[in-house]
Structure formats: C-alpha cells, structure tokens
N, C-alpha and C. Protein backbone atom coordinates (compact mmCIF):
# COMPACT_ATOMS: atom_id res chain seq x y z
N MET A 1 101.26 93.87 309.39
CA MET A 1 101.85 95.05 308.78
C MET A 1 101.02 95.50 307.57
N THR A 2 100.54 94.54 306.77
CA THR A 2 99.73 94.87 305.60
C THR A 2 98.43 95.56 306.01
N ILE A 3 97.82 95.08 307.08
CA ILE A 3 96.58 95.71 307.57
C ILE A 3 96.86 97.15 307.97
N PHE A 4 97.98 97.36 308.66
CA PHE A 4 98.35 98.71 309.08
C PHE A 4 98.57 99.63 307.88
N ARG A 5 99.28 99.12 306.86
CA ARG A 5 99.51 99.90 305.64
C ARG A 5 98.20 100.23 304.94
N ASN A 6 97.31 99.25 304.87
CA ASN A 6 96.00 99.47 304.24
C ASN A 6 95.19 100.52 305.01
N LEU A 7 95.27 100.45 306.33
CA LEU A 7 94.57 101.42 307.15
C LEU A 7 95.12 102.83 306.92
N LEU A 8 96.45 102.95 306.88
CA LEU A 8 97.07 104.24 306.61
C LEU A 8 96.67 104.77 305.23
N ALA A 9 96.64 103.90 304.24
CA ALA A 9 96.24 104.31 302.90
C ALA A 9 94.79 104.78 302.90
N PHE A 10 93.93 104.06 303.61
CA PHE A 10 92.51 104.44 303.70
C PHE A 10 92.36 105.81 304.35
N VAL A 11 93.08 106.03 305.45
CA VAL A 11 93.02 107.32 306.15
C VAL A 11 93.52 108.44 305.23
N ALA A 12 94.62 108.21 304.53
CA ALA A 12 95.16 109.23 303.63
C ALA A 12 94.18 109.58 302.52
N VAL A 13 93.55 108.57 301.93
CA VAL A 13 92.56 108.82 300.87
C VAL A 13 91.36 109.57 301.44
N SER A 14 90.90 109.16 302.62
CA SER A 14 89.75 109.82 303.24
C SER A 14 90.05 111.29 303.53
N LEU A 15 91.24 111.56 304.08
CA LEU A 15 91.61 112.94 304.36
C LEU A 15 91.74 113.76 303.08
N ALA A 16 92.30 113.18 302.06
CA ALA A 16 92.45 113.88 300.79
C ALA A 16 91.08 114.22 300.21
N LEU A 17 90.15 113.28 300.31
CA LEU A 17 88.81 113.52 299.77
C LEU A 17 88.07 114.60 300.53
N THR A 18 88.35 114.75 301.81
CA THR A 18 87.67 115.79 302.59
C THR A 18 88.45 117.10 302.58
N GLY A 19 89.57 117.13 301.88
CA GLY A 19 90.32 118.37 301.74
C GLY A 19 91.23 118.68 302.92
N CYS A 20 91.56 117.70 303.73
CA CYS A 20 92.37 117.95 304.91
C CYS A 20 93.86 117.82 304.65
N LEU A 21 94.26 117.22 303.57
CA LEU A 21 95.69 117.03 303.33
C LEU A 21 96.27 118.16 302.50
N ASN A 22 95.91 118.23 301.25
CA ASN A 22 96.50 119.20 300.34
C ASN A 22 95.43 120.12 299.79
N SER A 23 95.87 121.28 299.32
CA SER A 23 94.96 122.18 298.65
C SER A 23 94.56 121.56 297.32
N SER A 24 93.32 121.76 296.95
CA SER A 24 92.88 121.27 295.64
C SER A 24 92.65 122.46 294.74
N GLY A 25 92.82 122.23 293.47
CA GLY A 25 92.64 123.31 292.52
C GLY A 25 91.19 123.77 292.47
N ALA A 26 91.02 125.07 292.35
CA ALA A 26 89.67 125.62 292.19
C ALA A 26 89.13 125.14 290.85
N PRO A 27 87.85 124.81 290.80
CA PRO A 27 87.28 124.33 289.54
C PRO A 27 87.29 125.42 288.46
N GLN A 28 87.46 125.00 287.24
CA GLN A 28 87.38 125.96 286.13
C GLN A 28 85.92 126.34 285.96
N SER A 29 85.60 127.57 286.25
CA SER A 29 84.24 128.03 286.10
C SER A 29 84.21 129.46 285.60
N SER A 30 83.06 129.81 285.06
CA SER A 30 82.84 131.15 284.54
C SER A 30 81.71 131.79 285.35
N PHE A 31 81.97 132.99 285.84
CA PHE A 31 81.00 133.73 286.64
C PHE A 31 80.36 134.81 285.78
N THR A 32 79.04 134.78 285.63
CA THR A 32 78.33 135.82 284.88
C THR A 32 77.96 136.93 285.86
N LEU A 33 78.57 138.09 285.66
CA LEU A 33 78.40 139.21 286.58
C LEU A 33 77.14 140.01 286.26
N LEU A 34 76.72 140.81 287.21
CA LEU A 34 75.48 141.59 287.06
C LEU A 34 75.51 142.53 285.87
N ASP A 35 76.70 143.01 285.51
CA ASP A 35 76.79 143.93 284.37
C ASP A 35 76.84 143.20 283.02
N GLY A 36 76.71 141.86 283.07
CA GLY A 36 76.70 141.08 281.83
C GLY A 36 78.07 140.55 281.44
N SER A 37 79.12 141.06 282.05
CA SER A 37 80.46 140.57 281.75
C SER A 37 80.68 139.24 282.47
N SER A 38 81.82 138.64 282.22
CA SER A 38 82.11 137.39 282.92
C SER A 38 83.54 137.38 283.40
N ARG A 39 83.77 136.61 284.43
CA ARG A 39 85.11 136.36 284.99
C ARG A 39 85.24 134.86 285.09
N THR A 40 86.46 134.39 285.03
CA THR A 40 86.71 132.95 285.17
C THR A 40 87.69 132.74 286.32
N THR A 41 87.78 131.51 286.76
CA THR A 41 88.76 131.21 287.80
C THR A 41 90.17 131.48 287.28
N ALA A 42 90.39 131.31 286.00
CA ALA A 42 91.71 131.61 285.41
C ALA A 42 92.07 133.08 285.59
N ASP A 43 91.06 133.97 285.55
CA ASP A 43 91.29 135.40 285.75
C ASP A 43 91.80 135.72 287.15
N LEU A 44 91.59 134.80 288.07
CA LEU A 44 91.94 135.04 289.47
C LEU A 44 93.36 134.59 289.82
N LYS A 45 94.02 133.90 288.89
CA LYS A 45 95.39 133.43 289.15
C LYS A 45 96.27 134.63 289.49
N GLY A 46 97.12 134.44 290.48
CA GLY A 46 97.99 135.53 290.92
C GLY A 46 97.36 136.40 291.99
N LYS A 47 96.09 136.14 292.31
CA LYS A 47 95.38 136.88 293.36
C LYS A 47 94.92 135.89 294.42
N VAL A 48 94.70 136.40 295.60
CA VAL A 48 94.01 135.63 296.62
C VAL A 48 92.54 135.99 296.45
N ALA A 49 91.69 134.98 296.32
CA ALA A 49 90.28 135.24 296.01
C ALA A 49 89.36 134.54 297.00
N LEU A 50 88.29 135.23 297.31
CA LEU A 50 87.23 134.66 298.14
C LEU A 50 86.00 134.52 297.26
N ILE A 51 85.50 133.30 297.15
CA ILE A 51 84.29 133.01 296.38
C ILE A 51 83.21 132.69 297.39
N ASN A 52 82.18 133.54 297.43
CA ASN A 52 81.13 133.42 298.43
C ASN A 52 79.80 133.08 297.76
N PHE A 53 79.26 131.90 298.08
CA PHE A 53 77.94 131.50 297.59
C PHE A 53 76.92 131.96 298.62
N TRP A 54 75.92 132.73 298.16
CA TRP A 54 74.98 133.37 299.08
C TRP A 54 73.61 133.49 298.43
N ALA A 55 72.66 133.97 299.21
CA ALA A 55 71.30 134.22 298.69
C ALA A 55 70.70 135.39 299.47
N THR A 56 69.88 136.15 298.80
CA THR A 56 69.22 137.28 299.46
C THR A 56 68.25 136.81 300.54
N SER A 57 67.78 135.58 300.44
CA SER A 57 66.85 135.02 301.43
C SER A 57 67.56 134.40 302.63
N CYS A 58 68.87 134.40 302.62
CA CYS A 58 69.68 133.78 303.69
C CYS A 58 70.07 134.87 304.69
N THR A 59 69.52 134.79 305.91
CA THR A 59 69.77 135.84 306.90
C THR A 59 71.25 135.91 307.31
N THR A 60 71.91 134.76 307.39
CA THR A 60 73.34 134.76 307.73
C THR A 60 74.14 135.44 306.61
N CYS A 61 73.76 135.16 305.35
CA CYS A 61 74.45 135.78 304.20
C CYS A 61 74.32 137.30 304.25
N VAL A 62 73.11 137.76 304.50
CA VAL A 62 72.85 139.20 304.54
C VAL A 62 73.62 139.83 305.71
N ALA A 63 73.64 139.14 306.85
CA ALA A 63 74.34 139.66 308.03
C ALA A 63 75.85 139.73 307.84
N GLU A 64 76.42 138.77 307.09
CA GLU A 64 77.88 138.75 306.93
C GLU A 64 78.36 139.66 305.79
N MET A 65 77.45 140.12 304.94
CA MET A 65 77.86 140.91 303.77
C MET A 65 78.67 142.16 304.14
N PRO A 66 78.30 142.93 305.17
CA PRO A 66 79.14 144.09 305.53
C PRO A 66 80.57 143.69 305.91
N MET A 67 80.73 142.51 306.52
CA MET A 67 82.07 142.04 306.88
C MET A 67 82.85 141.61 305.64
N LEU A 68 82.14 141.05 304.64
CA LEU A 68 82.80 140.70 303.37
C LEU A 68 83.26 141.98 302.67
N VAL A 69 82.42 143.03 302.75
CA VAL A 69 82.78 144.32 302.14
C VAL A 69 84.02 144.89 302.83
N SER A 70 84.03 144.90 304.17
CA SER A 70 85.18 145.49 304.87
C SER A 70 86.45 144.66 304.64
N THR A 71 86.31 143.34 304.53
CA THR A 71 87.46 142.48 304.21
C THR A 71 88.01 142.82 302.83
N TYR A 72 87.11 142.97 301.88
CA TYR A 72 87.50 143.33 300.51
C TYR A 72 88.23 144.69 300.51
N GLU A 73 87.64 145.67 301.19
CA GLU A 73 88.24 147.01 301.23
C GLU A 73 89.62 146.98 301.89
N LYS A 74 89.78 146.14 302.91
CA LYS A 74 91.04 146.07 303.65
C LYS A 74 92.17 145.49 302.79
N PHE A 75 91.87 144.48 301.97
CA PHE A 75 92.92 143.74 301.28
C PHE A 75 93.01 143.94 299.77
N ARG A 76 92.05 144.59 299.16
CA ARG A 76 92.01 144.63 297.69
C ARG A 76 93.22 145.29 297.06
N SER A 77 93.81 146.26 297.72
CA SER A 77 94.99 146.93 297.15
C SER A 77 96.22 146.02 297.12
N ARG A 78 96.14 144.89 297.81
CA ARG A 78 97.27 143.95 297.86
C ARG A 78 97.08 142.75 296.93
N GLY A 79 96.02 142.76 296.11
CA GLY A 79 95.81 141.65 295.18
C GLY A 79 94.77 140.66 295.65
N TYR A 80 93.80 141.14 296.39
CA TYR A 80 92.72 140.30 296.92
C TYR A 80 91.44 140.58 296.13
N GLU A 81 90.71 139.54 295.83
CA GLU A 81 89.47 139.67 295.07
C GLU A 81 88.35 138.91 295.77
N THR A 82 87.15 139.39 295.63
CA THR A 82 85.96 138.72 296.13
C THR A 82 84.98 138.60 294.98
N ILE A 83 84.34 137.44 294.87
CA ILE A 83 83.22 137.28 293.95
C ILE A 83 82.08 136.67 294.76
N ALA A 84 80.97 137.39 294.80
CA ALA A 84 79.78 136.91 295.50
C ALA A 84 78.88 136.25 294.47
N VAL A 85 78.62 134.96 294.64
CA VAL A 85 77.83 134.19 293.68
C VAL A 85 76.45 133.92 294.26
N ALA A 86 75.44 134.56 293.67
CA ALA A 86 74.06 134.34 294.11
C ALA A 86 73.57 132.99 293.59
N MET A 87 72.87 132.28 294.44
CA MET A 87 72.40 130.94 294.11
C MET A 87 71.33 130.98 293.01
N SER A 88 71.16 129.86 292.33
CA SER A 88 70.25 129.78 291.18
C SER A 88 68.80 130.08 291.55
N TYR A 89 68.40 129.82 292.78
CA TYR A 89 67.02 130.04 293.19
C TYR A 89 66.74 131.49 293.60
N ASP A 90 67.80 132.30 293.64
CA ASP A 90 67.65 133.70 294.04
C ASP A 90 67.14 134.51 292.85
N PRO A 91 66.00 135.18 292.98
CA PRO A 91 65.50 135.98 291.85
C PRO A 91 66.51 137.07 291.45
N PRO A 92 66.90 137.12 290.18
CA PRO A 92 67.90 138.10 289.74
C PRO A 92 67.57 139.53 290.15
N ALA A 93 66.30 139.92 290.12
CA ALA A 93 65.93 141.29 290.50
C ALA A 93 66.28 141.56 291.97
N TYR A 94 66.13 140.56 292.83
CA TYR A 94 66.47 140.71 294.25
C TYR A 94 67.98 140.89 294.41
N VAL A 95 68.74 140.12 293.63
CA VAL A 95 70.20 140.18 293.71
C VAL A 95 70.69 141.56 293.25
N VAL A 96 70.16 142.03 292.12
CA VAL A 96 70.54 143.34 291.60
C VAL A 96 70.19 144.43 292.62
N ASN A 97 68.99 144.37 293.17
CA ASN A 97 68.56 145.36 294.16
C ASN A 97 69.47 145.33 295.38
N PHE A 98 69.79 144.15 295.87
CA PHE A 98 70.66 144.01 297.05
C PHE A 98 72.03 144.62 296.76
N ALA A 99 72.62 144.25 295.64
CA ALA A 99 73.96 144.74 295.29
C ALA A 99 73.97 146.26 295.13
N GLN A 100 72.93 146.80 294.52
CA GLN A 100 72.88 148.25 294.31
C GLN A 100 72.62 149.02 295.60
N THR A 101 71.64 148.57 296.39
CA THR A 101 71.31 149.32 297.61
C THR A 101 72.42 149.24 298.65
N ARG A 102 73.17 148.15 298.66
CA ARG A 102 74.29 148.01 299.61
C ARG A 102 75.60 148.49 299.01
N LYS A 103 75.56 148.91 297.75
CA LYS A 103 76.76 149.39 297.06
C LYS A 103 77.92 148.41 297.20
N LEU A 104 77.65 147.15 296.87
CA LEU A 104 78.71 146.13 296.99
C LEU A 104 79.86 146.49 296.05
N PRO A 105 81.08 146.59 296.58
CA PRO A 105 82.22 147.05 295.78
C PRO A 105 82.90 145.96 294.96
N PHE A 106 82.51 144.71 295.17
CA PHE A 106 83.14 143.58 294.47
C PHE A 106 82.17 142.99 293.46
N PRO A 107 82.68 142.19 292.53
CA PRO A 107 81.82 141.57 291.52
C PRO A 107 80.77 140.64 292.15
N VAL A 108 79.56 140.75 291.63
CA VAL A 108 78.46 139.88 292.05
C VAL A 108 78.02 139.10 290.82
N ALA A 109 77.94 137.78 290.98
CA ALA A 109 77.54 136.90 289.88
C ALA A 109 76.21 136.24 290.22
N ILE A 110 75.47 135.91 289.18
CA ILE A 110 74.24 135.14 289.35
C ILE A 110 74.45 133.79 288.68
N ASP A 111 74.26 132.74 289.46
CA ASP A 111 74.43 131.37 288.97
C ASP A 111 73.06 130.85 288.54
N ASN A 112 72.53 131.39 287.44
CA ASN A 112 71.17 131.06 286.98
C ASN A 112 70.90 129.57 286.86
N THR A 113 71.87 128.82 286.37
CA THR A 113 71.65 127.40 286.09
C THR A 113 72.12 126.48 287.21
N GLY A 114 72.84 127.01 288.17
CA GLY A 114 73.38 126.19 289.24
C GLY A 114 74.68 125.51 288.86
N THR A 115 75.19 125.80 287.67
CA THR A 115 76.41 125.16 287.17
C THR A 115 77.63 125.50 288.02
N VAL A 116 77.72 126.76 288.45
CA VAL A 116 78.89 127.18 289.23
C VAL A 116 78.86 126.50 290.60
N ALA A 117 77.70 126.50 291.26
CA ALA A 117 77.59 125.85 292.57
C ALA A 117 77.92 124.37 292.46
N LYS A 118 77.48 123.73 291.39
CA LYS A 118 77.75 122.30 291.19
C LYS A 118 79.26 122.08 291.02
N ALA A 119 79.91 122.94 290.24
CA ALA A 119 81.35 122.80 289.98
C ALA A 119 82.18 122.95 291.26
N TRP A 120 81.69 123.76 292.19
CA TRP A 120 82.43 124.03 293.43
C TRP A 120 82.05 123.04 294.54
N GLY A 121 81.65 121.84 294.16
CA GLY A 121 81.38 120.80 295.15
C GLY A 121 79.91 120.64 295.47
N ASP A 122 79.06 121.00 294.51
CA ASP A 122 77.62 120.89 294.67
C ASP A 122 77.15 121.68 295.90
N VAL A 123 77.53 122.95 295.93
CA VAL A 123 77.17 123.84 297.04
C VAL A 123 75.65 123.98 297.07
N ASN A 124 75.06 123.71 298.23
CA ASN A 124 73.62 123.94 298.38
C ASN A 124 73.27 124.57 299.73
N VAL A 125 74.27 124.81 300.56
CA VAL A 125 74.06 125.49 301.84
C VAL A 125 74.69 126.87 301.73
N THR A 126 73.93 127.89 302.13
CA THR A 126 74.48 129.25 302.12
C THR A 126 74.55 129.77 303.55
N PRO A 127 75.56 130.58 303.82
CA PRO A 127 76.67 130.88 302.95
C PRO A 127 77.72 129.76 302.96
N THR A 128 78.30 129.54 301.80
CA THR A 128 79.47 128.68 301.67
C THR A 128 80.53 129.53 300.97
N THR A 129 81.70 129.58 301.57
CA THR A 129 82.75 130.46 301.10
C THR A 129 84.05 129.68 300.90
N PHE A 130 84.73 129.97 299.81
CA PHE A 130 86.01 129.34 299.49
C PHE A 130 87.08 130.41 299.43
N LEU A 131 88.23 130.11 300.01
CA LEU A 131 89.39 130.99 299.91
C LEU A 131 90.40 130.30 299.00
N VAL A 132 90.82 131.01 297.96
CA VAL A 132 91.70 130.46 296.93
C VAL A 132 93.01 131.24 296.95
N ASN A 133 94.13 130.51 296.92
CA ASN A 133 95.43 131.18 296.94
C ASN A 133 95.84 131.66 295.54
N LYS A 134 97.01 132.28 295.45
CA LYS A 134 97.49 132.86 294.19
C LYS A 134 97.72 131.81 293.11
N ARG A 135 97.93 130.57 293.51
CA ARG A 135 98.15 129.48 292.55
C ARG A 135 96.84 128.84 292.09
N GLY A 136 95.73 129.36 292.57
CA GLY A 136 94.43 128.82 292.16
C GLY A 136 94.01 127.58 292.93
N GLU A 137 94.56 127.41 294.14
CA GLU A 137 94.22 126.25 294.97
C GLU A 137 93.27 126.68 296.09
N ILE A 138 92.26 125.88 296.34
CA ILE A 138 91.35 126.14 297.46
C ILE A 138 92.11 125.79 298.74
N VAL A 139 92.25 126.79 299.63
CA VAL A 139 92.96 126.54 300.88
C VAL A 139 92.01 126.43 302.07
N LYS A 140 90.79 126.92 301.93
CA LYS A 140 89.85 126.86 303.05
C LYS A 140 88.42 126.95 302.50
N ARG A 141 87.55 126.16 303.12
CA ARG A 141 86.12 126.19 302.80
C ARG A 141 85.38 126.46 304.09
N PHE A 142 84.54 127.48 304.07
CA PHE A 142 83.74 127.82 305.24
C PHE A 142 82.28 127.54 304.90
N VAL A 143 81.60 126.82 305.77
CA VAL A 143 80.15 126.66 305.65
C VAL A 143 79.56 127.42 306.82
N GLY A 144 78.74 128.42 306.53
CA GLY A 144 78.28 129.34 307.57
C GLY A 144 79.20 130.55 307.60
N LYS A 145 78.94 131.43 308.54
CA LYS A 145 79.72 132.66 308.65
C LYS A 145 81.14 132.34 309.11
N PRO A 146 82.15 132.82 308.38
CA PRO A 146 83.54 132.59 308.81
C PRO A 146 83.86 133.35 310.08
N ASP A 147 84.90 132.90 310.77
CA ASP A 147 85.49 133.67 311.85
C ASP A 147 86.36 134.70 311.13
N PHE A 148 85.91 135.96 311.11
CA PHE A 148 86.58 136.97 310.29
C PHE A 148 87.99 137.31 310.78
N ALA A 149 88.26 137.21 312.07
CA ALA A 149 89.63 137.45 312.56
C ALA A 149 90.57 136.37 311.99
N GLU A 150 90.12 135.12 312.03
CA GLU A 150 90.90 134.02 311.47
C GLU A 150 91.04 134.17 309.95
N LEU A 151 89.96 134.55 309.30
CA LEU A 151 89.98 134.75 307.84
C LEU A 151 90.98 135.84 307.47
N HIS A 152 90.98 136.95 308.20
CA HIS A 152 91.91 138.04 307.90
C HIS A 152 93.36 137.60 308.06
N GLN A 153 93.65 136.82 309.09
CA GLN A 153 95.01 136.33 309.28
C GLN A 153 95.43 135.44 308.12
N LEU A 154 94.51 134.58 307.68
CA LEU A 154 94.81 133.67 306.58
C LEU A 154 95.01 134.45 305.28
N ILE A 155 94.15 135.42 305.00
CA ILE A 155 94.30 136.24 303.79
C ILE A 155 95.64 136.97 303.82
N ASP A 156 95.97 137.56 304.95
CA ASP A 156 97.24 138.28 305.09
C ASP A 156 98.42 137.37 304.79
N ARG A 157 98.38 136.16 305.34
CA ARG A 157 99.46 135.18 305.11
C ARG A 157 99.55 134.80 303.63
N LEU A 158 98.38 134.52 303.02
CA LEU A 158 98.37 134.11 301.61
C LEU A 158 98.84 135.24 300.70
N LEU A 159 98.50 136.47 301.02
CA LEU A 159 98.94 137.61 300.21
C LEU A 159 100.45 137.82 300.31
N SER A 160 101.04 137.40 301.42
CA SER A 160 102.49 137.55 301.61
C SER A 160 103.29 136.50 300.85
N GLU A 161 102.62 135.40 300.46
CA GLU A 161 103.32 134.35 299.72
C GLU A 161 103.61 134.82 298.30
N SER A 162 104.73 134.30 297.75
CA SER A 162 105.05 134.69 296.37
C SER A 162 104.49 133.71 295.37
C-alpha cells in the first residue's frame, strides 16, 4: 500500500510540474512595449490574455501573425488582450518594421535581455504562446502554431467565466 501511495504522490507531483493538474499563476513580469511604455502581468488581471513569444526570423511566427490579429479583433471588445513578445535575439529595428508594416493592433514588446522569456519558463522555442485567464493563471501553453479553432473555443469559455 505504501508503494502505491508513493507512486500516486510521484505521479501527482510530475503532473503538477508539467502543468497538467492545475493552472499556475502567470509570472510577474514587465513588458517593454515598442512605444517605450510598459505593461505588467498585474495589468492583465480581469482580462483573458494571450502572451505570444515570437521572432521575425521564425517562419511559423510570421505565418500565424494574421491569425493572432484576427483572434485579437474577434475578442478584444469582450476583455481579451494579446501581447506579442519579440525574443532577445530579434533586432529591434526588424520588430518595429514588422509591427508597423503589418499594422499589428495589439501591444508588441521587445525582450532585450531575455528576462521575460526566462520568467515564463525559459522560453527558447518560437512560437510559444500562453493563454492566461482573468485570475492571472496560465491555462494553456502552446509550442508551435496553435489550433486556432480550439483556441477560439477556449478563449470564448474563459471570457464567459466571472
């Protein structure tokens, strides 16, 4: 019986560490936006937020950006926010040019030092996207392009929660 209990405890800890059991709180971080202002995770409380780590050199990131824009446009009036965080290795001039030429409607941040990516679980693969609920808990992590139909259903559900 003790072996069984120990095994159950091990499985529970393993699942918790991989994020399969409960939502974990989004890390306290500050995003430096292209206009020089900043936003923090605390500013996102009460909203459903998508934090997308990307790079201008990442073909998947560039390909998914129009879908991130349409997702933002679809849900923003209901309390949905997107912050696109450019990786530290991305030249700031490229990020600014990309955001301006594509007329990105959501805040774009540059993680010059890599501090934000490190805080969010040492993100080093792009795109990596986190969906955060109104209570500031990470409910889903996507590595690679999300299934946008599934993402939209999840956002809709989270926005309906009080």
